[in-house]
């Protein structure tokens, strides 16, 4: 499960980095999307 979380966060980081690059809001967007992904993984894990 930890590998799945790491893989999902790497995908989120790659998308944010390609969209915003060195913008000041990239870190904020990454934090927000990471929280959403971790929430969804937690919900998905509880259903199994």
PDB file of N, CA and C in Angstrom:
ATOM      1  N   UNK A   1       0.827  -1.189   0.000  1.00  0.00           N
ATOM      2  CA  UNK A   1       0.000   0.000   0.000  1.00  0.00           C
ATOM      3  C   UNK A   1       0.871   1.251   0.000  1.00  0.00           C
ATOM      4  N   UNK A   2       1.994   1.199   0.690  1.00  0.00           N
ATOM      5  CA  UNK A   2       2.880   2.360   0.745  1.00  0.00           C
ATOM      6  C   UNK A   2       3.466   2.676  -0.629  1.00  0.00           C
ATOM      7  N   UNK A   3       3.744   1.648  -1.407  1.00  0.00           N
ATOM      8  CA  UNK A   3       4.261   1.860  -2.760  1.00  0.00           C
ATOM      9  C   UNK A   3       3.195   2.521  -3.623  1.00  0.00           C
ATOM     10  N   UNK A   4       1.940   2.135  -3.454  1.00  0.00           N
ATOM     11  CA  UNK A   4       0.847   2.751  -4.204  1.00  0.00           C
ATOM     12  C   UNK A   4       0.712   4.230  -3.853  1.00  0.00           C
ATOM     13  N   UNK A   5       0.817   4.561  -2.582  1.00  0.00           N
ATOM     14  CA  UNK A   5       0.732   5.958  -2.146  1.00  0.00           C
ATOM     15  C   UNK A   5       1.899   6.750  -2.714  1.00  0.00           C
ATOM     16  N   UNK A   6       3.106   6.182  -2.661  1.00  0.00           N
ATOM     17  CA  UNK A   6       4.278   6.859  -3.197  1.00  0.00           C
ATOM     18  C   UNK A   6       4.121   7.096  -4.694  1.00  0.00           C
ATOM     19  N   UNK A   7       3.629   6.093  -5.421  1.00  0.00           N
ATOM     20  CA  UNK A   7       3.419   6.209  -6.861  1.00  0.00           C
ATOM     21  C   UNK A   7       2.388   7.289  -7.180  1.00  0.00           C
ATOM     22  N   UNK A   8       1.298   7.330  -6.424  1.00  0.00           N
ATOM     23  CA  UNK A   8       0.258   8.336  -6.647  1.00  0.00           C
ATOM     24  C   UNK A   8       0.796   9.737  -6.390  1.00  0.00           C
ATOM     25  N   UNK A   9       1.572   9.915  -5.352  1.00  0.00           N
ATOM     26  CA  UNK A   9       2.134  11.240  -5.051  1.00  0.00           C
ATOM     27  C   UNK A   9       3.168  11.661  -6.087  1.00  0.00           C
ATOM     28  N   UNK A  10       3.907  10.715  -6.634  1.00  0.00           N
ATOM     29  CA  UNK A  10       4.849  11.048  -7.707  1.00  0.00           C
ATOM     30  C   UNK A  10       4.120  11.518  -8.954  1.00  0.00           C
ATOM     31  N   UNK A  11       2.990  10.891  -9.265  1.00  0.00           N
ATOM     32  CA  UNK A  11       2.190  11.319 -10.412  1.00  0.00           C
ATOM     33  C   UNK A  11       1.649  12.723 -10.172  1.00  0.00           C
ATOM     34  N   UNK A  12       1.145  12.985  -8.973  1.00  0.00           N
ATOM     35  CA  UNK A  12       0.634  14.319  -8.649  1.00  0.00           C
ATOM     36  C   UNK A  12       1.755  15.345  -8.767  1.00  0.00           C
ATOM     37  N   UNK A  13       2.936  15.029  -8.259  1.00  0.00           N
ATOM     38  CA  UNK A  13       4.055  15.959  -8.337  1.00  0.00           C
ATOM     39  C   UNK A  13       4.448  16.234  -9.786  1.00  0.00           C
ATOM     40  N   UNK A  14       4.472  15.196 -10.618  1.00  0.00           N
ATOM     41  CA  UNK A  14       4.842  15.375 -12.027  1.00  0.00           C
ATOM     42  C   UNK A  14       3.832  16.262 -12.753  1.00  0.00           C
ATOM     43  N   UNK A  15       2.547  16.070 -12.467  1.00  0.00           N
ATOM     44  CA  UNK A  15       1.522  16.885 -13.117  1.00  0.00           C
ATOM     45  C   UNK A  15       1.628  18.336 -12.675  1.00  0.00           C
ATOM     46  N   UNK A  16       1.764  18.565 -11.377  1.00  0.00           N
ATOM     47  CA  UNK A  16       1.859  19.935 -10.864  1.00  0.00           C
ATOM     48  C   UNK A  16       3.121  20.610 -11.392  1.00  0.00           C
ATOM     49  N   UNK A  17       4.222  19.886 -11.416  1.00  0.00           N
ATOM     50  CA  UNK A  17       5.479  20.458 -11.891  1.00  0.00           C
ATOM     51  C   UNK A  17       5.411  20.791 -13.381  1.00  0.00           C
ATOM     52  N   UNK A  18       4.743  19.964 -14.166  1.00  0.00           N
ATOM     53  CA  UNK A  18       4.650  20.253 -15.600  1.00  0.00           C
ATOM     54  C   UNK A  18       3.688  21.406 -15.877  1.00  0.00           C
ATOM     55  N   UNK A  19       2.653  21.544 -15.051  1.00  0.00           N
ATOM     56  CA  UNK A  19       1.691  22.627 -15.277  1.00  0.00           C
ATOM     57  C   UNK A  19       2.204  23.971 -14.784  1.00  0.00           C
ATOM     58  N   UNK A  20       2.761  24.004 -13.583  1.00  0.00           N
ATOM     59  CA  UNK A  20       3.128  25.280 -12.978  1.00  0.00           C
ATOM     60  C   UNK A  20       4.628  25.557 -12.961  1.00  0.00           C
ATOM     61  N   UNK A  21       5.437  24.516 -13.014  1.00  0.00           N
ATOM     62  CA  UNK A  21       6.892  24.717 -13.022  1.00  0.00           C
ATOM     63  C   UNK A  21       7.387  25.344 -11.739  1.00  0.00           C
ATOM     64  N   UNK A  22       8.058  26.481 -11.852  1.00  0.00           N
ATOM     65  CA  UNK A  22       8.659  27.150 -10.694  1.00  0.00           C
ATOM     66  C   UNK A  22       7.764  28.240 -10.117  1.00  0.00           C
ATOM     67  N   UNK A  23       6.485  28.148 -10.379  1.00  0.00           N
ATOM     68  CA  UNK A  23       5.558  29.141  -9.847  1.00  0.00           C
ATOM     69  C   UNK A  23       5.491  29.034  -8.331  1.00  0.00           C
ATOM     70  N   UNK A  24       5.132  30.117  -7.693  1.00  0.00           N
ATOM     71  CA  UNK A  24       5.021  30.121  -6.244  1.00  0.00           C
ATOM     72  C   UNK A  24       3.846  29.327  -5.723  1.00  0.00           C
ATOM     73  N   UNK A  25       2.879  29.076  -6.598  1.00  0.00           N
ATOM     74  CA  UNK A  25       1.693  28.344  -6.174  1.00  0.00           C
ATOM     75  C   UNK A  25       1.802  26.846  -6.406  1.00  0.00           C
ATOM     76  N   UNK A  26       2.903  26.379  -6.949  1.00  0.00           N
ATOM     77  CA  UNK A  26       3.065  24.958  -7.241  1.00  0.00           C
ATOM     78  C   UNK A  26       3.053  24.127  -5.952  1.00  0.00           C
ATOM     79  N   UNK A  27       3.726  24.626  -4.926  1.00  0.00           N
ATOM     80  CA  UNK A  27       3.777  23.886  -3.668  1.00  0.00           C
ATOM     81  C   UNK A  27       2.406  23.832  -3.001  1.00  0.00           C
ATOM     82  N   UNK A  28       1.661  24.923  -3.081  1.00  0.00           N
ATOM     83  CA  UNK A  28       0.319  24.942  -2.499  1.00  0.00           C
ATOM     84  C   UNK A  28      -0.605  23.968  -3.219  1.00  0.00           C
ATOM     85  N   UNK A  29      -0.534  23.966  -4.540  1.00  0.00           N
ATOM     86  CA  UNK A  29      -1.366  23.048  -5.314  1.00  0.00           C
ATOM     87  C   UNK A  29      -0.958  21.607  -5.063  1.00  0.00           C
ATOM     88  N   UNK A  30       0.345  21.342  -4.947  1.00  0.00           N
ATOM     89  CA  UNK A  30       0.813  19.993  -4.654  1.00  0.00           C
ATOM     90  C   UNK A  30       0.314  19.527  -3.288  1.00  0.00           C
ATOM     91  N   UNK A  31       0.339  20.405  -2.296  1.00  0.00           N
ATOM     92  CA  UNK A  31      -0.145  20.042  -0.961  1.00  0.00           C
ATOM     93  C   UNK A  31      -1.643  19.745  -0.981  1.00  0.00           C
ATOM     94  N   UNK A  32      -2.400  20.549  -1.686  1.00  0.00           N
ATOM     95  CA  UNK A  32      -3.839  20.336  -1.777  1.00  0.00           C
ATOM     96  C   UNK A  32      -4.167  19.039  -2.501  1.00  0.00           C
ATOM     97  N   UNK A  33      -3.548  18.814  -3.644  1.00  0.00           N
ATOM     98  CA  UNK A  33      -3.810  17.588  -4.394  1.00  0.00           C
ATOM     99  C   UNK A  33      -3.308  16.348  -3.654  1.00  0.00           C
ATOM    100  N   UNK A  34      -2.214  16.465  -2.927  1.00  0.00           N
ATOM    101  CA  UNK A  34      -1.714  15.331  -2.135  1.00  0.00           C
ATOM    102  C   UNK A  34      -2.694  14.966  -1.035  1.00  0.00           C
ATOM    103  N   UNK A  35      -3.260  15.968  -0.394  1.00  0.00           N
ATOM    104  CA  UNK A  35      -4.243  15.690   0.651  1.00  0.00           C
ATOM    105  C   UNK A  35      -5.476  15.003   0.065  1.00  0.00           C
ATOM    106  N   UNK A  36      -5.914  15.442  -1.099  1.00  0.00           N
ATOM    107  CA  UNK A  36      -7.076  14.817  -1.744  1.00  0.00           C
ATOM    108  C   UNK A  36      -6.757  13.375  -2.129  1.00  0.00           C
ATOM    109  N   UNK A  37      -5.579  13.142  -2.700  1.00  0.00           N
ATOM    110  CA  UNK A  37      -5.198  11.787  -3.090  1.00  0.00           C
ATOM    111  C   UNK A  37      -5.091  10.876  -1.871  1.00  0.00           C
ATOM    112  N   UNK A  38      -4.485  11.355  -0.802  1.00  0.00           N
ATOM    113  CA  UNK A  38      -4.371  10.529   0.406  1.00  0.00           C
ATOM    114  C   UNK A  38      -5.740  10.237   1.006  1.00  0.00           C
ATOM    115  N   UNK A  39      -6.649  11.196   0.957  1.00  0.00           N
ATOM    116  CA  UNK A  39      -8.007  10.964   1.433  1.00  0.00           C
ATOM    117  C   UNK A  39      -8.699   9.889   0.591  1.00  0.00           C
ATOM    118  N   UNK A  40      -8.562   9.975  -0.722  1.00  0.00           N
ATOM    119  CA  UNK A  40      -9.195   8.990  -1.600  1.00  0.00           C
ATOM    120  C   UNK A  40      -8.574   7.600  -1.440  1.00  0.00           C
ATOM    121  N   UNK A  41      -7.267   7.538  -1.245  1.00  0.00           N
ATOM    122  CA  UNK A  41      -6.621   6.242  -1.003  1.00  0.00           C
ATOM    123  C   UNK A  41      -7.114   5.641   0.299  1.00  0.00           C
ATOM    124  N   UNK A  42      -7.286   6.468   1.321  1.00  0.00           N
ATOM    125  CA  UNK A  42      -7.791   5.981   2.598  1.00  0.00           C
ATOM    126  C   UNK A  42      -9.214   5.443   2.462  1.00  0.00           C
ATOM    127  N   UNK A  43     -10.058   6.143   1.716  1.00  0.00           N
ATOM    128  CA  UNK A  43     -11.433   5.675   1.485  1.00  0.00           C
ATOM    129  C   UNK A  43     -11.429   4.381   0.683  1.00  0.00           C
ATOM    130  N   UNK A  44     -10.546   4.299  -0.327  1.00  0.00           N
ATOM    131  CA  UNK A  44     -10.446   3.123  -1.168  1.00  0.00           C
ATOM    132  C   UNK A  44      -9.949   1.918  -0.356  1.00  0.00           C
ATOM    133  N   UNK A  45      -8.990   2.177   0.543  1.00  0.00           N
ATOM    134  CA  UNK A  45      -8.424   1.094   1.362  1.00  0.00           C
ATOM    135  C   UNK A  45      -9.470   0.540   2.319  1.00  0.00           C
ATOM    136  N   UNK A  46     -10.330   1.392   2.861  1.00  0.00           N
ATOM    137  CA  UNK A  46     -11.334   0.946   3.805  1.00  0.00           C
ATOM    138  C   UNK A  46     -12.439   0.136   3.145  1.00  0.00           C
ATOM    139  N   UNK A  47     -12.672   0.325   1.848  1.00  0.00           N
ATOM    140  CA  UNK A  47     -13.711  -0.426   1.151  1.00  0.00           C
ATOM    141  C   UNK A  47     -13.279  -1.842   0.814  1.00  0.00           C
ATOM    142  N   UNK A  48     -11.967  -2.082   0.762  1.00  0.00           N
ATOM    143  CA  UNK A  48     -11.482  -3.431   0.417  1.00  0.00           C
ATOM    144  C   UNK A  48     -11.560  -4.350   1.609  1.00  0.00           C
TER     145      UNK A  48
END
